[in-house]
């Protein structure tokens, strides 16, 4: 019998692996700003995709400020979390926001993306 954590991991992989239909939105910081707040609605059958360009050795943090049943993933960094912090490389990162457990309706969210 599969454990609950294995089932949850499978659900996360399925929900974030389903992404393919939407194009990513580029995150743009205002001049002199080190953070940006993003609001939206995580769809029940897909994820929202954002792109963030960074320099090397910066400190990035993506934090879920509001949202029920919503999580953030940074490809090749961390999956399905409420908060992710990491040291950047000089590259583009793909950030996905989606539902942890599939719901019938879209789930509103608010995240803070900061790079210092």
Protein backbone atom coordinates (compact mmCIF):
# COMPACT_ATOMS: atom_id res chain seq x y z
CA UNK A 1 0.00 0.00 0.00
CA UNK A 2 1.34 3.45 -0.93
CA UNK A 3 1.98 5.95 1.83
CA UNK A 4 0.25 9.32 1.95
CA UNK A 5 3.52 11.16 1.24
CA UNK A 6 4.13 9.07 -1.90
CA UNK A 7 0.58 9.80 -3.05
CA UNK A 8 1.09 13.54 -2.43
CA UNK A 9 4.35 13.50 -4.38
CA UNK A 10 2.60 11.77 -7.28
CA UNK A 11 -0.16 14.37 -7.27
CA UNK A 12 2.39 17.21 -7.27
CA UNK A 13 4.32 15.67 -10.16
CA UNK A 14 1.14 15.13 -12.14
CA UNK A 15 -0.20 18.62 -11.56
CA UNK A 16 3.07 20.40 -12.34
CA UNK A 17 3.96 18.01 -15.16
CA UNK A 18 0.72 18.85 -16.96
CA UNK A 19 2.02 22.31 -17.83
CA UNK A 20 2.38 22.82 -21.55
CA UNK A 21 -0.36 25.09 -22.81
CA UNK A 22 0.48 28.51 -21.36
CA UNK A 23 3.37 30.76 -22.24
CA UNK A 24 5.43 32.18 -19.43
CA UNK A 25 5.11 35.80 -18.29
CA UNK A 26 8.39 37.62 -17.72
CA UNK A 27 8.82 39.10 -14.25
CA UNK A 28 10.03 42.68 -14.43
CA UNK A 29 11.29 44.57 -11.40
CA UNK A 30 10.71 48.32 -11.22
CA UNK A 31 13.91 50.38 -11.50
CA UNK A 32 15.77 50.13 -8.18
CA UNK A 33 13.32 47.57 -6.75
CA UNK A 34 14.48 44.23 -5.37
CA UNK A 35 11.05 42.65 -5.14
CA UNK A 36 7.76 42.35 -6.97
CA UNK A 37 4.38 41.07 -5.86
CA UNK A 38 2.40 38.86 -8.21
CA UNK A 39 -1.33 38.20 -7.83
CA UNK A 40 -3.36 35.72 -9.81
CA UNK A 41 -5.53 32.63 -9.80
CA UNK A 42 -4.03 29.15 -10.02
CA UNK A 43 -6.16 27.17 -12.48
CA UNK A 44 -7.51 23.74 -11.51
CA UNK A 45 -5.94 21.86 -14.44
CA UNK A 46 -2.75 23.77 -15.20
CA UNK A 47 -0.12 26.08 -13.70
CA UNK A 48 0.82 29.70 -14.26
CA UNK A 49 4.35 30.22 -15.52
CA UNK A 50 6.68 33.16 -14.88
CA UNK A 51 10.27 33.79 -16.04
CA UNK A 52 12.88 35.55 -13.91
CA UNK A 53 16.37 36.53 -15.10
CA UNK A 54 19.09 36.86 -12.48
CA UNK A 55 22.78 37.53 -12.15
CA UNK A 56 25.18 35.15 -10.42
CA UNK A 57 25.40 34.90 -6.62
CA UNK A 58 22.25 36.83 -5.81
CA UNK A 59 19.83 35.72 -3.10
CA UNK A 60 16.38 34.89 -4.49
CA UNK A 61 13.28 34.25 -2.43
CA UNK A 62 9.80 33.33 -3.64
CA UNK A 63 7.21 33.39 -0.88
CA UNK A 64 3.49 32.54 -0.96
CA UNK A 65 1.83 35.46 0.86
CA UNK A 66 -1.78 34.43 0.29
CA UNK A 67 -3.34 31.33 -1.13
CA UNK A 68 -5.13 28.22 -0.01
CA UNK A 69 -4.01 25.02 -1.71
CA UNK A 70 -1.44 26.89 -3.83
CA UNK A 71 2.27 26.22 -4.11
CA UNK A 72 5.24 27.53 -6.06
CA UNK A 73 7.89 25.58 -7.97
CA UNK A 74 11.19 26.85 -9.39
CA UNK A 75 12.30 24.38 -12.05
CA UNK A 76 15.59 22.66 -11.22
CA UNK A 77 15.58 24.29 -7.74
CA UNK A 78 12.58 23.19 -5.62
CA UNK A 79 9.11 21.71 -6.13
CA UNK A 80 5.71 22.51 -4.62
CA UNK A 81 6.62 24.76 -1.70
CA UNK A 82 5.13 27.78 0.05
CA UNK A 83 8.58 29.41 0.20
CA UNK A 84 11.79 28.90 -1.78
CA UNK A 85 15.15 30.59 -1.13
CA UNK A 86 18.28 29.98 -3.19
CA UNK A 87 21.53 31.49 -4.48
CA UNK A 88 21.16 32.32 -8.15
CA UNK A 89 23.25 31.66 -11.21
CA UNK A 90 23.43 34.02 -14.19
CA UNK A 91 20.44 32.52 -16.00
CA UNK A 92 16.70 32.51 -16.45
CA UNK A 93 14.50 30.67 -13.94
CA UNK A 94 11.04 29.31 -14.60
CA UNK A 95 8.62 29.77 -11.72
CA UNK A 96 5.33 27.88 -11.70
CA UNK A 97 2.34 28.52 -9.46
CA UNK A 98 -0.36 25.88 -9.17
CA UNK A 99 -2.67 23.98 -6.91
CA UNK A 100 -1.29 21.32 -4.60
CA UNK A 101 -4.50 19.29 -4.58
CA UNK A 102 -6.68 19.73 -7.65
CA UNK A 103 -9.80 21.77 -6.88
CA UNK A 104 -12.85 22.44 -9.02
CA UNK A 105 -12.25 26.18 -9.20
CA UNK A 106 -9.25 28.45 -9.63
CA UNK A 107 -7.49 29.37 -6.39
CA UNK A 108 -6.47 33.03 -5.83
CA UNK A 109 -2.87 33.63 -4.72
CA UNK A 110 -0.35 36.35 -3.99
CA UNK A 111 3.42 35.73 -4.06
CA UNK A 112 6.44 37.91 -3.36
CA UNK A 113 9.50 37.45 -5.58
CA UNK A 114 12.68 39.11 -4.36
CA UNK A 115 16.27 39.10 -5.61
CA UNK A 116 19.08 40.90 -3.74
